[in-house]
N, C-alpha and C. Protein backbone atom coordinates (compact mmCIF):
# COMPACT_ATOMS: atom_id res chain seq x y z
N MET A 1 25.83 -2.08 3.91
CA MET A 1 26.51 -3.28 3.49
C MET A 1 27.93 -3.34 4.07
N ALA A 2 28.62 -2.22 4.17
CA ALA A 2 29.97 -2.19 4.74
C ALA A 2 29.93 -2.63 6.20
N PHE A 3 28.86 -2.24 6.91
CA PHE A 3 28.71 -2.64 8.31
C PHE A 3 28.58 -4.15 8.42
N TRP A 4 27.83 -4.76 7.52
CA TRP A 4 27.63 -6.20 7.54
C TRP A 4 28.94 -6.94 7.29
N LEU A 5 29.74 -6.45 6.37
CA LEU A 5 31.03 -7.07 6.08
C LEU A 5 31.99 -6.93 7.26
N ALA A 6 31.97 -5.77 7.91
CA ALA A 6 32.83 -5.56 9.07
C ALA A 6 32.41 -6.47 10.22
N ALA A 7 31.12 -6.65 10.40
CA ALA A 7 30.61 -7.52 11.47
C ALA A 7 30.98 -8.97 11.21
N CYS A 8 30.92 -9.39 9.99
CA CYS A 8 31.27 -10.78 9.65
C CYS A 8 32.76 -11.04 9.86
N GLY A 9 33.58 -10.04 9.64
CA GLY A 9 35.01 -10.20 9.78
C GLY A 9 35.46 -10.32 11.23
N GLN A 10 34.63 -9.93 12.18
CA GLN A 10 35.00 -9.95 13.59
C GLN A 10 34.81 -11.31 14.23
N GLN A 11 34.09 -12.18 13.59
CA GLN A 11 33.84 -13.50 14.17
C GLN A 11 35.09 -14.35 14.07
N LYS A 12 35.40 -15.03 15.16
CA LYS A 12 36.54 -15.94 15.16
C LYS A 12 36.04 -17.36 14.89
N PRO A 13 36.70 -18.06 14.02
CA PRO A 13 36.26 -19.45 13.78
C PRO A 13 36.55 -20.29 15.02
N SER A 14 35.58 -21.09 15.40
CA SER A 14 35.79 -21.96 16.55
C SER A 14 36.61 -23.17 16.14
N GLN A 15 37.55 -23.54 16.99
CA GLN A 15 38.40 -24.68 16.70
C GLN A 15 37.93 -25.87 17.53
N PRO A 16 37.82 -27.01 16.93
CA PRO A 16 37.41 -28.19 17.69
C PRO A 16 38.53 -28.58 18.65
N PRO A 17 38.18 -29.19 19.78
CA PRO A 17 39.24 -29.62 20.72
C PRO A 17 40.14 -30.66 20.09
N LEU A 18 41.38 -30.66 20.49
CA LEU A 18 42.33 -31.63 19.97
C LEU A 18 42.01 -33.02 20.49
N PRO A 19 42.12 -34.02 19.66
CA PRO A 19 41.85 -35.38 20.14
C PRO A 19 42.91 -35.83 21.13
N LYS A 20 42.49 -36.61 22.09
CA LYS A 20 43.43 -37.14 23.09
C LYS A 20 44.14 -38.34 22.50
N THR A 21 45.44 -38.29 22.50
CA THR A 21 46.21 -39.38 21.92
C THR A 21 46.58 -40.38 23.01
N PRO A 22 46.77 -41.63 22.67
CA PRO A 22 47.15 -42.62 23.68
C PRO A 22 48.46 -42.27 24.38
N SER A 23 49.39 -41.65 23.68
CA SER A 23 50.67 -41.33 24.31
C SER A 23 50.49 -40.26 25.39
N ASP A 24 49.56 -39.32 25.19
CA ASP A 24 49.30 -38.30 26.20
C ASP A 24 48.72 -38.92 27.46
N SER A 25 47.76 -39.81 27.31
CA SER A 25 47.14 -40.41 28.49
C SER A 25 48.15 -41.30 29.23
N ARG A 26 49.01 -41.96 28.50
CA ARG A 26 50.03 -42.81 29.13
C ARG A 26 51.05 -41.95 29.89
N LEU A 27 51.35 -40.77 29.37
CA LEU A 27 52.26 -39.87 30.05
C LEU A 27 51.70 -39.51 31.42
N PHE A 28 50.42 -39.19 31.48
CA PHE A 28 49.80 -38.84 32.75
C PHE A 28 49.75 -40.06 33.67
N ASP A 29 49.53 -41.22 33.12
CA ASP A 29 49.53 -42.45 33.93
C ASP A 29 50.89 -42.66 34.57
N MET A 30 51.95 -42.43 33.80
CA MET A 30 53.30 -42.61 34.33
C MET A 30 53.57 -41.60 35.45
N GLN A 31 53.15 -40.37 35.26
CA GLN A 31 53.35 -39.35 36.29
C GLN A 31 52.55 -39.69 37.54
N ARG A 32 51.33 -40.19 37.36
CA ARG A 32 50.50 -40.58 38.50
C ARG A 32 51.13 -41.75 39.25
N ASP A 33 51.68 -42.71 38.53
CA ASP A 33 52.35 -43.85 39.16
C ASP A 33 53.56 -43.39 39.97
N GLU A 34 54.33 -42.48 39.40
CA GLU A 34 55.51 -41.97 40.11
C GLU A 34 55.11 -41.23 41.37
N LEU A 35 54.03 -40.47 41.30
CA LEU A 35 53.54 -39.75 42.48
C LEU A 35 53.10 -40.72 43.56
N GLN A 36 52.42 -41.78 43.17
CA GLN A 36 51.98 -42.79 44.15
C GLN A 36 53.17 -43.47 44.80
N ARG A 37 54.20 -43.77 44.01
CA ARG A 37 55.40 -44.39 44.58
C ARG A 37 56.10 -43.44 45.54
N ALA A 38 56.16 -42.18 45.19
CA ALA A 38 56.80 -41.19 46.07
C ALA A 38 56.02 -41.05 47.38
N LYS A 39 54.71 -41.08 47.30
CA LYS A 39 53.90 -41.02 48.53
C LYS A 39 54.13 -42.24 49.40
N ALA A 40 54.26 -43.41 48.78
CA ALA A 40 54.50 -44.64 49.54
C ALA A 40 55.87 -44.58 50.22
N VAL A 41 56.88 -44.08 49.52
CA VAL A 41 58.21 -43.94 50.11
C VAL A 41 58.17 -42.97 51.28
N GLU A 42 57.48 -41.85 51.11
CA GLU A 42 57.37 -40.87 52.18
C GLU A 42 56.69 -41.47 53.40
N GLN A 43 55.64 -42.24 53.19
CA GLN A 43 54.94 -42.88 54.30
C GLN A 43 55.86 -43.86 55.03
N THR A 44 56.64 -44.62 54.29
CA THR A 44 57.57 -45.57 54.89
C THR A 44 58.62 -44.85 55.72
N VAL A 45 59.15 -43.76 55.19
CA VAL A 45 60.16 -42.98 55.92
C VAL A 45 59.56 -42.41 57.20
N GLN A 46 58.35 -41.92 57.13
CA GLN A 46 57.70 -41.37 58.32
C GLN A 46 57.46 -42.46 59.37
N GLN A 47 57.05 -43.63 58.94
CA GLN A 47 56.83 -44.74 59.88
C GLN A 47 58.14 -45.14 60.55
N GLN A 48 59.21 -45.20 59.78
CA GLN A 48 60.50 -45.54 60.36
C GLN A 48 60.97 -44.47 61.34
N SER A 49 60.72 -43.24 61.02
CA SER A 49 61.09 -42.13 61.89
C SER A 49 60.31 -42.20 63.20
N GLN A 50 59.04 -42.49 63.11
CA GLN A 50 58.21 -42.61 64.31
C GLN A 50 58.67 -43.79 65.17
N ALA A 51 58.99 -44.90 64.54
CA ALA A 51 59.46 -46.07 65.28
C ALA A 51 60.79 -45.77 65.96
N GLN A 52 61.67 -45.07 65.28
CA GLN A 52 62.96 -44.71 65.85
C GLN A 52 62.76 -43.74 67.02
N GLN A 53 61.87 -42.78 66.88
CA GLN A 53 61.60 -41.84 67.96
C GLN A 53 60.99 -42.56 69.16
N HIS A 54 60.14 -43.52 68.91
CA HIS A 54 59.54 -44.32 69.98
C HIS A 54 60.61 -45.11 70.72
N ALA A 55 61.54 -45.69 69.98
CA ALA A 55 62.62 -46.46 70.60
C ALA A 55 63.51 -45.54 71.45
N ILE A 56 63.77 -44.34 70.96
CA ILE A 56 64.59 -43.38 71.73
C ILE A 56 63.87 -42.99 73.00
N ASP A 57 62.56 -42.75 72.89
CA ASP A 57 61.77 -42.38 74.06
C ASP A 57 61.77 -43.51 75.10
N GLN A 58 61.69 -44.76 74.64
CA GLN A 58 61.69 -45.91 75.55
C GLN A 58 63.02 -46.03 76.29
N GLN A 59 64.13 -45.74 75.61
CA GLN A 59 65.46 -45.86 76.22
C GLN A 59 65.69 -44.75 77.23
N SER A 60 65.11 -43.59 77.02
CA SER A 60 65.37 -42.46 77.91
C SER A 60 64.50 -42.51 79.16
N GLN A 61 63.56 -43.39 79.25
CA GLN A 61 62.71 -43.47 80.45
C GLN A 61 63.31 -44.32 81.52
């Protein structure tokens, strides 16, 4: 009987997953939006850099 009680005491109660709250999902949406804006800015800067390099190359020929 002592063995049975010791075995029962070793089990951990399972915890249900926490519910997703609207504020949590909105937080991730805001971070995703900021990342998309940063990528768009980076792309614009790269395009301008390429255009400027092209113009420099044209002048040096």
